[in-house]
N, C-alpha and C. Protein backbone atom coordinates (compact mmCIF):
# COMPACT_ATOMS: atom_id res chain seq x y z
N MET A 1 10.48 16.25 -15.92
CA MET A 1 10.01 14.90 -16.05
C MET A 1 8.48 14.92 -16.13
N LYS A 2 7.93 14.18 -17.06
CA LYS A 2 6.49 14.14 -17.23
C LYS A 2 5.90 12.95 -16.48
N PRO A 3 4.70 13.13 -15.92
CA PRO A 3 4.04 12.02 -15.23
C PRO A 3 3.65 10.91 -16.21
N LEU A 4 3.67 9.68 -15.74
CA LEU A 4 3.29 8.53 -16.56
C LEU A 4 1.82 8.19 -16.47
N VAL A 5 1.19 8.53 -15.36
CA VAL A 5 -0.23 8.24 -15.15
C VAL A 5 -0.96 9.54 -14.85
N GLY A 6 -2.28 9.50 -14.94
CA GLY A 6 -3.08 10.69 -14.67
C GLY A 6 -3.08 11.05 -13.20
N ALA A 7 -3.47 12.29 -12.94
CA ALA A 7 -3.45 12.79 -11.56
C ALA A 7 -4.43 12.02 -10.67
N MET A 8 -5.62 11.76 -11.18
CA MET A 8 -6.62 11.05 -10.37
C MET A 8 -6.15 9.62 -10.05
N GLN A 9 -5.57 8.94 -11.03
CA GLN A 9 -5.08 7.59 -10.79
C GLN A 9 -3.92 7.59 -9.80
N ALA A 10 -3.04 8.59 -9.91
CA ALA A 10 -1.89 8.65 -9.01
C ALA A 10 -2.33 8.86 -7.56
N TRP A 11 -3.24 9.80 -7.34
CA TRP A 11 -3.67 10.07 -5.96
C TRP A 11 -4.54 8.94 -5.42
N SER A 12 -5.36 8.33 -6.28
CA SER A 12 -6.17 7.18 -5.84
C SER A 12 -5.28 6.02 -5.41
N CYS A 13 -4.27 5.73 -6.22
CA CYS A 13 -3.35 4.65 -5.90
C CYS A 13 -2.59 4.95 -4.59
N THR A 14 -2.24 6.20 -4.38
CA THR A 14 -1.53 6.59 -3.16
C THR A 14 -2.39 6.35 -1.93
N VAL A 15 -3.65 6.76 -1.99
CA VAL A 15 -4.55 6.60 -0.85
C VAL A 15 -4.85 5.12 -0.60
N ILE A 16 -5.13 4.38 -1.66
CA ILE A 16 -5.42 2.95 -1.51
C ILE A 16 -4.21 2.21 -0.94
N SER A 17 -3.01 2.56 -1.41
CA SER A 17 -1.80 1.92 -0.90
C SER A 17 -1.59 2.22 0.57
N ALA A 18 -1.88 3.45 0.98
CA ALA A 18 -1.71 3.81 2.40
C ALA A 18 -2.66 2.99 3.28
N PHE A 19 -3.92 2.88 2.87
CA PHE A 19 -4.87 2.09 3.65
C PHE A 19 -4.50 0.61 3.64
N ALA A 20 -4.03 0.10 2.50
CA ALA A 20 -3.63 -1.31 2.42
C ALA A 20 -2.47 -1.59 3.36
N MET A 21 -1.49 -0.67 3.42
CA MET A 21 -0.36 -0.86 4.32
C MET A 21 -0.82 -0.86 5.77
N LEU A 22 -1.76 0.01 6.09
CA LEU A 22 -2.28 0.08 7.46
C LEU A 22 -3.00 -1.21 7.84
N ILE A 23 -3.91 -1.67 6.98
CA ILE A 23 -4.68 -2.88 7.27
C ILE A 23 -3.77 -4.11 7.33
N LEU A 24 -2.87 -4.24 6.34
CA LEU A 24 -1.95 -5.38 6.35
C LEU A 24 -0.99 -5.32 7.54
N GLY A 25 -0.63 -4.13 7.97
CA GLY A 25 0.23 -3.99 9.14
C GLY A 25 -0.43 -4.53 10.40
N VAL A 26 -1.71 -4.21 10.56
CA VAL A 26 -2.44 -4.72 11.72
C VAL A 26 -2.55 -6.24 11.65
N LEU A 27 -2.89 -6.76 10.46
CA LEU A 27 -2.97 -8.22 10.31
C LEU A 27 -1.62 -8.88 10.54
N CYS A 28 -0.56 -8.24 10.09
CA CYS A 28 0.78 -8.78 10.28
C CYS A 28 1.12 -8.89 11.77
N ILE A 29 0.78 -7.86 12.52
CA ILE A 29 1.04 -7.87 13.97
C ILE A 29 0.23 -8.97 14.65
N LEU A 30 -1.05 -9.09 14.25
CA LEU A 30 -1.90 -10.11 14.88
C LEU A 30 -1.43 -11.52 14.55
N PHE A 31 -1.06 -11.77 13.29
CA PHE A 31 -0.57 -13.10 12.93
C PHE A 31 0.78 -13.38 13.58
N ASN A 32 1.62 -12.37 13.70
CA ASN A 32 2.94 -12.56 14.31
C ASN A 32 2.81 -12.96 15.78
N ASN A 33 1.78 -12.46 16.44
CA ASN A 33 1.55 -12.80 17.85
C ASN A 33 0.65 -14.03 18.01
N ASN A 34 0.33 -14.72 16.91
CA ASN A 34 -0.55 -15.90 16.92
C ASN A 34 -1.86 -15.62 17.67
N HIS A 35 -2.52 -14.56 17.26
CA HIS A 35 -3.80 -14.19 17.87
C HIS A 35 -4.79 -15.33 17.69
N PRO A 36 -5.50 -15.74 18.75
CA PRO A 36 -6.38 -16.90 18.66
C PRO A 36 -7.54 -16.74 17.67
N GLU A 37 -7.98 -15.52 17.41
CA GLU A 37 -9.05 -15.32 16.43
C GLU A 37 -8.59 -15.67 15.02
N LEU A 38 -7.30 -15.56 14.75
CA LEU A 38 -6.79 -15.78 13.40
C LEU A 38 -6.17 -17.16 13.20
N VAL A 39 -5.62 -17.75 14.24
CA VAL A 39 -4.94 -19.04 14.09
C VAL A 39 -5.52 -20.11 15.00
N GLY A 40 -6.70 -19.89 15.55
CA GLY A 40 -7.23 -20.83 16.54
C GLY A 40 -8.13 -21.91 16.01
N GLY A 41 -8.66 -21.76 14.78
CA GLY A 41 -9.61 -22.74 14.27
C GLY A 41 -8.95 -23.87 13.51
N THR A 42 -9.75 -24.83 13.07
CA THR A 42 -9.22 -25.98 12.33
C THR A 42 -8.88 -25.62 10.89
N GLU A 43 -9.57 -24.64 10.31
CA GLU A 43 -9.32 -24.23 8.93
C GLU A 43 -8.26 -23.12 8.84
N ASP A 44 -7.84 -22.58 9.95
CA ASP A 44 -6.89 -21.48 9.97
C ASP A 44 -5.46 -21.97 9.83
N PRO A 45 -4.54 -21.08 9.41
CA PRO A 45 -3.12 -21.50 9.31
C PRO A 45 -2.53 -21.80 10.68
N GLU A 46 -1.58 -22.73 10.70
CA GLU A 46 -0.97 -23.11 11.97
C GLU A 46 0.21 -22.23 12.34
N ASP A 47 0.94 -21.74 11.34
CA ASP A 47 2.13 -20.95 11.60
C ASP A 47 1.85 -19.48 11.29
N GLY A 48 1.50 -18.74 12.32
CA GLY A 48 1.17 -17.33 12.15
C GLY A 48 2.36 -16.49 11.74
N LYS A 49 3.56 -16.87 12.15
CA LYS A 49 4.75 -16.08 11.82
C LYS A 49 5.06 -16.14 10.33
N GLU A 50 4.77 -17.26 9.70
CA GLU A 50 4.98 -17.36 8.26
C GLU A 50 3.96 -16.52 7.49
N VAL A 51 2.74 -16.49 7.96
CA VAL A 51 1.72 -15.65 7.35
C VAL A 51 2.09 -14.18 7.54
N ALA A 52 2.62 -13.84 8.71
CA ALA A 52 3.05 -12.46 8.97
C ALA A 52 4.19 -12.05 8.04
N ALA A 53 5.09 -12.97 7.75
CA ALA A 53 6.19 -12.66 6.82
C ALA A 53 5.65 -12.40 5.42
N THR A 54 4.66 -13.18 5.00
CA THR A 54 4.05 -12.97 3.69
C THR A 54 3.32 -11.63 3.65
N ALA A 55 2.62 -11.29 4.71
CA ALA A 55 1.94 -10.00 4.78
C ALA A 55 2.97 -8.87 4.78
N GLY A 56 4.12 -9.09 5.39
CA GLY A 56 5.18 -8.08 5.37
C GLY A 56 5.70 -7.83 3.96
N MET A 57 5.79 -8.89 3.17
CA MET A 57 6.21 -8.72 1.77
C MET A 57 5.16 -7.92 1.00
N ALA A 58 3.88 -8.17 1.28
CA ALA A 58 2.82 -7.42 0.63
C ALA A 58 2.88 -5.94 1.04
N ILE A 59 3.24 -5.68 2.30
CA ILE A 59 3.39 -4.30 2.75
C ILE A 59 4.53 -3.62 1.99
N ALA A 60 5.62 -4.35 1.75
CA ALA A 60 6.75 -3.78 1.01
C ALA A 60 6.34 -3.45 -0.43
N ILE A 61 5.55 -4.30 -1.05
CA ILE A 61 5.09 -4.03 -2.42
C ILE A 61 4.17 -2.81 -2.43
N TYR A 62 3.26 -2.73 -1.47
CA TYR A 62 2.38 -1.56 -1.40
C TYR A 62 3.18 -0.29 -1.09
N ALA A 63 4.27 -0.40 -0.35
CA ALA A 63 5.12 0.78 -0.09
C ALA A 63 5.75 1.27 -1.39
N LEU A 64 6.14 0.35 -2.26
CA LEU A 64 6.67 0.76 -3.56
C LEU A 64 5.59 1.45 -4.39
N PHE A 65 4.38 0.90 -4.40
CA PHE A 65 3.26 1.56 -5.09
C PHE A 65 3.02 2.95 -4.51
N PHE A 66 3.05 3.05 -3.19
CA PHE A 66 2.81 4.33 -2.52
C PHE A 66 3.84 5.37 -2.95
N CYS A 67 5.10 4.97 -2.98
CA CYS A 67 6.16 5.91 -3.38
C CYS A 67 6.02 6.32 -4.84
N PHE A 68 5.82 5.34 -5.72
CA PHE A 68 5.72 5.64 -7.14
C PHE A 68 4.52 6.54 -7.43
N CYS A 69 3.37 6.17 -6.91
CA CYS A 69 2.16 6.94 -7.20
C CYS A 69 2.19 8.31 -6.52
N GLY A 70 2.77 8.37 -5.33
CA GLY A 70 2.91 9.67 -4.67
C GLY A 70 3.81 10.61 -5.46
N LEU A 71 4.90 10.07 -5.99
CA LEU A 71 5.78 10.89 -6.82
C LEU A 71 5.08 11.33 -8.11
N GLN A 72 4.27 10.45 -8.67
CA GLN A 72 3.51 10.83 -9.87
C GLN A 72 2.53 11.96 -9.54
N GLY A 73 1.87 11.88 -8.40
CA GLY A 73 0.97 12.95 -7.99
C GLY A 73 1.70 14.27 -7.77
N LEU A 74 2.89 14.19 -7.17
CA LEU A 74 3.68 15.41 -6.96
C LEU A 74 4.15 16.00 -8.29
N LEU A 75 4.45 15.15 -9.26
CA LEU A 75 4.81 15.65 -10.59
C LEU A 75 3.64 16.40 -11.21
N HIS A 76 2.42 15.93 -10.99
CA HIS A 76 1.25 16.64 -11.51
C HIS A 76 1.10 17.99 -10.83
N LEU A 77 1.36 18.05 -9.53
CA LEU A 77 1.29 19.34 -8.83
C LEU A 77 2.33 20.31 -9.37
N ARG A 78 3.54 19.81 -9.57
CA ARG A 78 4.62 20.65 -10.08
C ARG A 78 4.30 21.14 -11.49
N GLU A 79 3.74 20.26 -12.31
CA GLU A 79 3.41 20.63 -13.67
C GLU A 79 2.30 21.68 -13.68
N GLY A 80 1.36 21.58 -12.76
CA GLY A 80 0.26 22.54 -12.69
C GLY A 80 0.72 23.93 -12.25
N ARG A 81 1.76 24.01 -11.43
CA ARG A 81 2.26 25.31 -10.95
C ARG A 81 3.05 26.06 -12.01
N ARG A 82 3.56 25.36 -13.01
CA ARG A 82 4.35 26.03 -14.04
C ARG A 82 3.49 26.66 -15.12
N GLY A 83 2.20 26.56 -14.99
CA GLY A 83 1.32 27.20 -15.95
C GLY A 83 1.04 26.35 -17.17
N ALA A 84 1.23 25.05 -17.07
CA ALA A 84 0.94 24.18 -18.20
C ALA A 84 -0.57 24.15 -18.43
N ILE A 85 -0.95 24.06 -19.67
CA ILE A 85 -2.37 24.01 -20.02
C ILE A 85 -2.84 22.57 -19.90
N ALA A 86 -3.86 22.35 -19.09
CA ALA A 86 -4.40 21.00 -18.90
C ALA A 86 -5.56 20.82 -19.87
N LEU A 87 -5.47 19.81 -20.70
CA LEU A 87 -6.56 19.54 -21.64
C LEU A 87 -7.44 18.44 -21.13
């Protein structure tokens, strides 16, 4: 199977997706617990659990990106070990 994206793009997307999942995970936990810094003001959302559910969906999308891009990066590693000429 040939990779669909370049090696640099695949690994960059993998790293960015991992950090995005980490940051959104922390925000999801804080909104789920109705942390006063996030839901305490007049301009802030009132229902932290609903915001946490939306952040959870974003985490699921980033997990799909992480899997796809990680597999693309592994395909590049596999292709490089077989002696393919990289142009």
